[in-house]
Amino acid sequence: MKDPHNYRAVGWSMIAVAGSLAAIGILLLALHDDPFFSDNMMNEKIKQFEEMKQQTTEMVNSTGEKMGEPKPGMAILFVYLK
């Protein structure tokens, strides 16, 4: 079988795909308000969790109870601390 010698066509196709992906990326950065939306959302959730953990620790320390003892309404408490 002969070698089809289509390396040039494949090369131009790869350049076209790379150019279109670059154009999509540039448009996304130009039109989107917050390109790091998921990172910012994750950092907010981590901060919220740390604040809830701190509030729970302060509540436990003020009552003198041990943290390891489960209380009946603890799950409801976490929901209302938001």
C-alpha atoms as a PDB file:
ATOM      1  CA  MET A   1       0.000   0.000   0.000  1.00  0.00           C
ATOM      2  CA  LYS A   2       1.160   3.492  -0.757  1.00  0.00           C
ATOM      3  CA  ASP A   3       1.827   6.034   1.956  1.00  0.00           C
ATOM      4  CA  PRO A   4      -0.959   8.640   1.617  1.00  0.00           C
ATOM      5  CA  HIS A   5       1.318  11.619   2.479  1.00  0.00           C
ATOM      6  CA  ASN A   6      -1.426  13.555   4.201  1.00  0.00           C
ATOM      7  CA  TYR A   7       0.879  15.000   6.854  1.00  0.00           C
ATOM      8  CA  ARG A   8       0.339  18.555   5.598  1.00  0.00           C
ATOM      9  CA  ALA A   9      -3.454  18.285   5.860  1.00  0.00           C
ATOM     10  CA  VAL A  10      -3.190  16.815   9.350  1.00  0.00           C
ATOM     11  CA  GLY A  11      -0.836  19.612  10.388  1.00  0.00           C
ATOM     12  CA  TRP A  12      -3.191  22.325   9.175  1.00  0.00           C
ATOM     13  CA  SER A  13      -6.087  20.591  10.908  1.00  0.00           C
ATOM     14  CA  MET A  14      -4.185  20.564  14.189  1.00  0.00           C
ATOM     15  CA  ILE A  15      -3.415  24.270  13.807  1.00  0.00           C
ATOM     16  CA  ALA A  16      -7.106  25.002  13.103  1.00  0.00           C
ATOM     17  CA  VAL A  17      -8.224  23.061  16.192  1.00  0.00           C
ATOM     18  CA  ALA A  18      -5.634  24.762  18.395  1.00  0.00           C
ATOM     19  CA  GLY A  19      -6.661  28.182  17.069  1.00  0.00           C
ATOM     20  CA  SER A  20     -10.338  27.551  17.685  1.00  0.00           C
ATOM     21  CA  LEU A  21      -9.679  26.353  21.237  1.00  0.00           C
ATOM     22  CA  ALA A  22      -7.551  29.435  21.897  1.00  0.00           C
ATOM     23  CA  ALA A  23     -10.324  31.661  20.543  1.00  0.00           C
ATOM     24  CA  ILE A  24     -12.881  29.976  22.808  1.00  0.00           C
ATOM     25  CA  GLY A  25     -10.592  30.468  25.814  1.00  0.00           C
ATOM     26  CA  ILE A  26     -10.039  34.137  25.035  1.00  0.00           C
ATOM     27  CA  LEU A  27     -13.772  34.697  24.585  1.00  0.00           C
ATOM     28  CA  LEU A  28     -14.479  32.950  27.878  1.00  0.00           C
ATOM     29  CA  LEU A  29     -12.004  35.142  29.731  1.00  0.00           C
ATOM     30  CA  ALA A  30     -13.303  38.298  28.042  1.00  0.00           C
ATOM     31  CA  LEU A  31     -17.033  37.652  28.511  1.00  0.00           C
ATOM     32  CA  HIS A  32     -17.213  35.789  31.802  1.00  0.00           C
ATOM     33  CA  ASP A  33     -17.250  37.836  35.018  1.00  0.00           C
ATOM     34  CA  ASP A  34     -15.534  35.318  37.262  1.00  0.00           C
ATOM     35  CA  PRO A  35     -13.370  32.729  35.469  1.00  0.00           C
ATOM     36  CA  PHE A  36     -12.428  31.108  38.803  1.00  0.00           C
ATOM     37  CA  PHE A  37     -16.029  30.641  39.974  1.00  0.00           C
ATOM     38  CA  SER A  38     -15.568  27.103  41.294  1.00  0.00           C
ATOM     39  CA  ASP A  39     -12.366  27.983  43.173  1.00  0.00           C
ATOM     40  CA  ASN A  40     -14.030  30.981  44.796  1.00  0.00           C
ATOM     41  CA  MET A  41     -17.083  28.914  45.728  1.00  0.00           C
ATOM     42  CA  MET A  42     -14.901  26.198  47.266  1.00  0.00           C
ATOM     43  CA  ASN A  43     -12.916  28.764  49.283  1.00  0.00           C
ATOM     44  CA  GLU A  44     -16.156  30.311  50.587  1.00  0.00           C
ATOM     45  CA  LYS A  45     -17.431  26.890  51.663  1.00  0.00           C
ATOM     46  CA  ILE A  46     -14.143  26.096  53.431  1.00  0.00           C
ATOM     47  CA  LYS A  47     -14.275  29.449  55.216  1.00  0.00           C
ATOM     48  CA  GLN A  48     -17.900  28.828  56.218  1.00  0.00           C
ATOM     49  CA  PHE A  49     -17.002  25.362  57.528  1.00  0.00           C
ATOM     50  CA  GLU A  50     -14.098  26.729  59.591  1.00  0.00           C
ATOM     51  CA  GLU A  51     -16.372  29.412  61.079  1.00  0.00           C
ATOM     52  CA  MET A  52     -19.003  26.804  61.980  1.00  0.00           C
ATOM     53  CA  LYS A  53     -16.333  24.591  63.535  1.00  0.00           C
ATOM     54  CA  GLN A  54     -15.019  27.549  65.563  1.00  0.00           C
ATOM     55  CA  GLN A  55     -18.534  28.472  66.759  1.00  0.00           C
ATOM     56  CA  THR A  56     -19.232  24.889  67.770  1.00  0.00           C
ATOM     57  CA  THR A  57     -15.927  24.686  69.644  1.00  0.00           C
ATOM     58  CA  GLU A  58     -16.705  27.938  71.462  1.00  0.00           C
ATOM     59  CA  MET A  59     -20.161  26.664  72.417  1.00  0.00           C
ATOM     60  CA  VAL A  60     -18.753  23.378  73.677  1.00  0.00           C
ATOM     61  CA  ASN A  61     -15.994  25.134  75.621  1.00  0.00           C
ATOM     62  CA  SER A  62     -18.494  27.490  77.246  1.00  0.00           C
ATOM     63  CA  THR A  63     -20.672  24.607  78.497  1.00  0.00           C
ATOM     64  CA  GLY A  64     -17.721  22.461  79.558  1.00  0.00           C
ATOM     65  CA  GLU A  65     -18.923  19.384  77.708  1.00  0.00           C
ATOM     66  CA  LYS A  66     -16.639  17.109  75.768  1.00  0.00           C
ATOM     67  CA  MET A  67     -16.713  17.378  71.988  1.00  0.00           C
ATOM     68  CA  GLY A  68     -16.807  13.608  71.470  1.00  0.00           C
ATOM     69  CA  GLU A  69     -20.168  13.131  73.171  1.00  0.00           C
ATOM     70  CA  PRO A  70     -22.958  13.132  70.561  1.00  0.00           C
ATOM     71  CA  LYS A  71     -26.030  15.152  71.466  1.00  0.00           C
ATOM     72  CA  PRO A  72     -29.529  14.467  70.103  1.00  0.00           C
ATOM     73  CA  GLY A  73     -30.017  17.812  68.322  1.00  0.00           C
ATOM     74  CA  MET A  74     -26.469  18.335  67.031  1.00  0.00           C
ATOM     75  CA  ALA A  75     -27.362  17.840  63.333  1.00  0.00           C
ATOM     76  CA  ILE A  76     -30.160  20.414  63.607  1.00  0.00           C
ATOM     77  CA  LEU A  77     -27.756  22.783  65.359  1.00  0.00           C
ATOM     78  CA  PHE A  78     -25.358  22.694  62.406  1.00  0.00           C
ATOM     79  CA  VAL A  79     -28.184  23.532  60.014  1.00  0.00           C
ATOM     80  CA  TYR A  80     -29.269  26.571  62.038  1.00  0.00           C
ATOM     81  CA  LEU A  81     -25.714  27.872  62.498  1.00  0.00           C
ATOM     82  CA  LYS A  82     -25.524  28.818  58.828  1.00  0.00           C
END
